Amino acid sequence: MNLLIVDDEPLEREVLARIISKGGFTQARCFEAQNGADAVEVARRQTIDLAILDIKMPVMDGLTAAERIRAEQPNCRLIFLTAYEEERFADMGMHEFGIERYLLKPVHPQEIARTLREFLPSPKNGTSLDAEETHPVFKIKSYIKRHLAEELTLESLAELVHLHPQYVSRLFKQKAGLTLTDYIIQIRLEKARRLLAETELSMAQIGELCGFLDPNYFSRLFRKHEGETPTQYRKRRKAMPNLPPYQFQHSLF
């Protein structure tokens, strides 16, 4: 498997390469590029199975590079590294160019290693996922988190794991402890809270990124669950910048 690391910071590339090496991914052959243009050239010469790209780079940014790499190699899987203020661009890339994951900087090495285990062959048995990660509920949760801005229905998620919708509904409630609909709402609201606290995006933009196409519905739902409107929440968080963000406490199952 060929892996391409694209970042204009040499230290960042070195750290990623070291994590891959120490993680035991012996089947991964690493290529490096210092900007998007160089990455596209590498992809023209080599078959790339997985590319990890920073968004903000000189010469050619990660979004443009991702688009061109996908044009050359449709089967190449893509991961973004991005800062909070660039998250909206990562969301756009996930929809337009098929980026499967983005990691927010600074990324903890354990998070990188965990993500790579989902994409690279396991050093133990050559499979891409551990047994736990092949469970339908894990797959559904992972898909939901990567496609929050899209329409998510029981039928489409059941089709994703090749199971009957009614069975998926029961299985998800059994394993996750809440209904699929409630889980989607909680994850969307979690992202909305983070964007409200850490960006200057408009309410409509935040709602759209979180899958709430109707701003009025977004506001009503947010108030129902949080006890205040999105605007009130943002003002309160701005007044207390050191307050840690609330996160919906959800386990794998």
Protein backbone atom coordinates (compact mmCIF):
# COMPACT_ATOMS: atom_id res chain seq x y z
CA MET A 1 0.00 0.00 0.00
CA ASN A 2 1.31 3.43 -0.99
CA LEU A 3 0.67 6.35 1.36
CA LEU A 4 1.24 10.01 0.51
CA ILE A 5 1.88 12.62 3.23
CA VAL A 6 1.34 16.21 2.06
CA ASP A 7 2.32 19.09 4.35
CA ASP A 8 4.46 22.18 3.89
CA GLU A 9 6.00 21.68 7.36
CA PRO A 10 8.86 19.13 7.27
CA LEU A 11 8.41 18.37 10.97
CA GLU A 12 4.74 17.49 10.45
CA ARG A 13 5.66 15.07 7.66
CA GLU A 14 8.38 13.53 9.81
CA VAL A 15 6.00 13.01 12.74
CA LEU A 16 3.38 11.35 10.55
CA ALA A 17 5.97 9.08 8.96
CA ARG A 18 7.29 8.12 12.39
CA ILE A 19 3.79 7.28 13.66
CA ILE A 20 3.21 5.05 10.64
CA SER A 21 6.55 3.32 11.14
CA LYS A 22 6.13 2.80 14.89
CA GLY A 23 2.55 1.65 14.40
CA GLY A 24 3.81 -1.45 12.66
CA PHE A 25 2.26 -0.71 9.27
CA THR A 26 5.06 -2.47 7.47
CA GLN A 27 3.06 -2.81 4.25
CA ALA A 28 2.76 0.97 3.90
CA ARG A 29 5.26 2.66 1.59
CA CYS A 30 5.39 6.39 2.38
CA PHE A 31 5.82 9.19 -0.13
CA GLU A 32 6.07 12.85 0.87
CA ALA A 33 5.19 16.16 -0.78
CA GLN A 34 5.64 19.71 0.53
CA ASN A 35 2.67 21.24 -1.31
CA GLY A 36 -0.36 20.30 -3.36
CA ALA A 37 1.40 20.64 -6.71
CA ASP A 38 4.13 18.21 -5.68
CA ALA A 39 1.46 15.82 -4.39
CA VAL A 40 -0.30 15.80 -7.75
CA GLU A 41 3.00 15.01 -9.47
CA VAL A 42 3.64 12.11 -7.10
CA ALA A 43 0.13 10.79 -7.79
CA ARG A 44 0.84 10.88 -11.52
CA ARG A 45 3.92 8.71 -11.09
CA GLN A 46 2.75 6.36 -8.34
CA THR A 47 -0.47 4.60 -7.43
CA ILE A 48 -1.53 6.16 -4.13
CA ASP A 49 -3.89 4.23 -1.87
CA LEU A 50 -4.18 6.85 0.87
CA ALA A 51 -3.26 10.55 0.91
CA ILE A 52 -3.08 12.69 4.06
CA LEU A 53 -3.20 16.36 3.11
CA ASP A 54 -2.93 19.63 4.98
CA ILE A 55 -5.42 22.19 3.65
CA LYS A 56 -3.42 25.40 3.87
CA MET A 57 -0.23 25.08 1.81
CA PRO A 58 1.71 27.28 -0.62
CA VAL A 59 1.68 26.80 -4.41
CA MET A 60 -1.44 24.60 -4.33
CA ASP A 61 -3.79 24.06 -1.38
CA GLY A 62 -5.00 20.70 -0.17
CA LEU A 63 -8.52 21.06 -1.60
CA THR A 64 -7.26 21.64 -5.12
CA ALA A 65 -4.72 18.84 -4.77
CA ALA A 66 -7.41 16.45 -3.52
CA GLU A 67 -9.60 17.23 -6.51
CA ARG A 68 -6.77 16.59 -8.97
CA ILE A 69 -5.53 13.46 -7.23
CA ARG A 70 -9.04 12.04 -7.30
CA ALA A 71 -9.27 12.86 -11.01
CA GLU A 72 -6.08 10.87 -11.61
CA GLN A 73 -6.82 8.10 -9.12
CA PRO A 74 -10.53 7.70 -8.27
CA ASN A 75 -9.82 4.93 -5.75
CA CYS A 76 -7.36 6.95 -3.68
CA ARG A 77 -8.68 7.53 -0.16
CA LEU A 78 -8.23 11.01 1.30
CA ILE A 79 -7.76 12.45 4.79
CA PHE A 80 -7.48 16.17 5.61
CA LEU A 81 -5.44 17.78 8.36
CA THR A 82 -6.99 21.13 9.21
CA ALA A 83 -7.19 23.92 11.75
CA TYR A 84 -10.53 24.91 13.30
CA GLU A 85 -10.87 27.99 11.12
CA GLU A 86 -10.45 25.81 8.04
CA GLU A 87 -13.06 23.24 9.07
CA ARG A 88 -15.72 24.60 6.70
CA PHE A 89 -13.34 23.95 3.80
CA ALA A 90 -12.81 20.39 5.01
CA ASP A 91 -16.57 19.89 5.12
CA MET A 92 -16.80 21.18 1.57
CA GLY A 93 -14.04 18.80 0.49
CA MET A 94 -15.83 15.83 2.01
CA HIS A 95 -18.84 16.51 -0.19
CA GLU A 96 -17.17 17.65 -3.41
CA PHE A 97 -14.06 15.48 -3.56
CA GLY A 98 -14.96 12.45 -1.46
CA ILE A 99 -12.64 13.14 1.46
CA GLU A 100 -13.40 10.40 3.99
CA ARG A 101 -12.06 11.99 7.15
CA TYR A 102 -10.56 15.16 8.49
CA LEU A 103 -8.51 15.59 11.65
CA LEU A 104 -8.35 18.89 13.50
CA LYS A 105 -4.92 20.27 14.37
CA PRO A 106 -3.14 19.85 16.67
CA VAL A 107 -3.73 16.13 16.21
CA HIS A 108 -2.72 13.77 19.00
CA PRO A 109 -0.49 10.90 17.79
CA GLN A 110 -2.94 8.35 19.21
CA GLU A 111 -5.75 9.85 17.16
CA ILE A 112 -3.63 9.64 14.02
CA ALA A 113 -2.70 6.03 14.77
CA ARG A 114 -6.33 5.13 15.45
CA THR A 115 -7.42 6.71 12.17
CA LEU A 116 -4.68 4.97 10.22
CA ARG A 117 -5.80 1.62 11.61
CA GLU A 118 -9.12 2.21 9.87
CA PHE A 119 -7.46 2.86 6.53
CA LEU A 120 -4.28 0.76 6.51
CA PRO A 121 -3.87 -3.02 6.75
CA SER A 122 -3.51 -4.22 10.32
CA PRO A 123 0.08 -5.18 11.24
CA LYS A 124 -1.26 -8.36 12.87
CA ASN A 125 -3.63 -9.94 10.41
CA GLY A 126 -3.67 -7.84 7.27
CA THR A 127 -7.28 -6.70 7.73
CA SER A 128 -8.22 -3.04 7.59
CA LEU A 129 -10.44 -3.02 10.69
CA ASP A 130 -10.45 -4.70 14.06
CA ALA A 131 -13.42 -6.95 14.79
CA GLU A 132 -15.05 -4.24 16.90
CA GLU A 133 -14.77 -1.76 14.07
CA THR A 134 -16.55 -4.05 11.62
CA HIS A 135 -19.71 -4.03 13.73
CA PRO A 136 -22.67 -2.45 11.86
CA VAL A 137 -23.28 0.08 14.65
CA PHE A 138 -19.66 1.27 14.48
CA LYS A 139 -19.89 1.62 10.71
CA ILE A 140 -23.12 3.58 10.97
CA LYS A 141 -21.74 5.90 13.65
CA SER A 142 -18.58 6.49 11.66
CA TYR A 143 -20.59 7.26 8.52
CA ILE A 144 -22.89 9.65 10.37
CA LYS A 145 -19.97 11.66 11.75
CA ARG A 146 -18.47 12.01 8.28
CA HIS A 147 -21.73 12.94 6.53
CA LEU A 148 -23.54 15.17 9.02
CA ALA A 149 -24.44 17.76 6.40
CA GLU A 150 -26.21 15.18 4.26
CA GLU A 151 -29.66 13.66 4.61
CA LEU A 152 -29.38 10.66 6.92
CA THR A 153 -32.24 8.17 6.97
CA LEU A 154 -32.74 4.78 8.55
CA GLU A 155 -33.19 3.26 5.11
CA SER A 156 -29.97 4.67 3.67
CA LEU A 157 -27.93 3.71 6.73
CA ALA A 158 -29.40 0.21 6.72
CA GLU A 159 -28.44 -0.12 3.07
CA LEU A 160 -24.91 0.94 3.99
CA VAL A 161 -24.50 -2.13 6.21
CA HIS A 162 -26.70 -4.40 4.07
CA LEU A 163 -29.29 -5.03 6.79
CA HIS A 164 -33.05 -4.58 7.07
CA PRO A 165 -34.04 -1.13 8.43
CA GLN A 166 -36.14 -2.57 11.25
CA TYR A 167 -33.26 -4.78 12.37
CA VAL A 168 -30.83 -1.84 12.24
CA SER A 169 -33.23 0.24 14.33
CA ARG A 170 -33.42 -2.41 17.06
CA LEU A 171 -29.69 -3.19 16.93
CA PHE A 172 -28.67 0.46 17.17
CA LYS A 173 -30.94 1.09 20.17
CA GLN A 174 -29.62 -2.04 21.85
CA LYS A 175 -25.94 -1.22 21.34
CA ALA A 176 -25.95 2.59 21.52
CA GLY A 177 -28.60 3.03 24.20
CA LEU A 178 -30.63 5.54 22.19
CA THR A 179 -32.49 5.61 18.92
CA LEU A 180 -30.75 6.29 15.65
CA THR A 181 -32.69 9.54 15.21
CA ASP A 182 -31.73 10.76 18.68
CA TYR A 183 -28.09 9.88 18.06
CA ILE A 184 -28.00 11.85 14.81
CA ILE A 185 -29.56 14.86 16.54
CA GLN A 186 -27.07 14.69 19.42
CA ILE A 187 -24.06 14.48 17.11
CA ARG A 188 -25.34 17.34 14.97
CA LEU A 189 -25.94 19.50 18.02
CA GLU A 190 -22.48 18.65 19.35
CA LYS A 191 -20.92 19.94 16.15
CA ALA A 192 -23.19 22.99 16.18
CA ARG A 193 -22.05 23.89 19.70
CA ARG A 194 -18.42 23.62 18.68
CA LEU A 195 -18.89 25.76 15.57
CA LEU A 196 -20.86 28.36 17.51
CA ALA A 197 -18.11 28.62 20.11
CA GLU A 198 -15.08 28.48 17.85
CA THR A 199 -16.04 30.11 14.54
CA GLU A 200 -17.73 33.24 13.25
CA LEU A 201 -19.91 31.38 10.77
CA SER A 202 -23.52 32.53 10.46
CA MET A 203 -26.37 30.54 12.00
CA ALA A 204 -27.50 29.46 8.54
CA GLN A 205 -23.99 28.25 7.62
CA ILE A 206 -23.62 26.32 10.87
CA GLY A 207 -27.06 24.79 10.48
CA GLU A 208 -26.24 23.66 6.95
CA LEU A 209 -22.89 22.15 7.96
CA CYS A 210 -24.65 20.22 10.71
CA GLY A 211 -27.46 18.94 8.50
CA PHE A 212 -30.16 21.43 9.52
CA LEU A 213 -31.30 22.95 6.24
CA ASP A 214 -34.13 24.93 7.85
CA PRO A 215 -32.64 27.68 10.09
CA ASN A 216 -35.87 27.99 12.08
CA TYR A 217 -35.95 24.26 12.80
CA PHE A 218 -32.28 24.39 13.81
CA SER A 219 -32.98 27.23 16.24
CA ARG A 220 -36.03 25.53 17.76
CA LEU A 221 -34.29 22.18 18.15
CA PHE A 222 -31.18 23.78 19.64
CA ARG A 223 -33.27 25.68 22.18
CA LYS A 224 -35.23 22.56 23.06
CA HIS A 225 -32.07 20.62 23.89
CA GLU A 226 -29.81 23.39 25.19
CA GLY A 227 -32.30 25.69 26.90
CA GLU A 228 -31.14 28.68 24.87
CA THR A 229 -31.01 29.79 21.25
CA PRO A 230 -27.86 29.36 19.14
CA THR A 231 -27.26 33.12 19.35
CA GLN A 232 -27.55 33.11 23.14
CA TYR A 233 -25.23 30.11 23.37
CA ARG A 234 -22.61 31.82 21.21
CA LYS A 235 -22.72 35.02 23.31
CA ARG A 236 -22.38 33.07 26.54
CA ARG A 237 -19.45 31.03 25.22
CA LYS A 238 -17.69 34.12 23.88
CA ALA A 239 -18.00 35.68 27.33
CA MET A 240 -16.37 32.59 28.89
CA PRO A 241 -13.61 31.56 26.42
CA ASN A 242 -11.92 29.23 28.91
CA LEU A 243 -15.03 27.14 29.44
CA PRO A 244 -14.40 23.65 28.01
CA PRO A 245 -16.88 22.69 25.28
CA TYR A 246 -19.67 20.35 26.29
CA GLN A 247 -19.55 17.07 24.41
CA PHE A 248 -22.27 14.49 24.06
CA GLN A 249 -20.93 11.50 25.95
CA HIS A 250 -21.27 8.57 23.60
CA SER A 251 -19.30 5.35 23.54
CA LEU A 252 -18.57 3.11 20.58
CA PHE A 253 -21.75 1.17 21.25
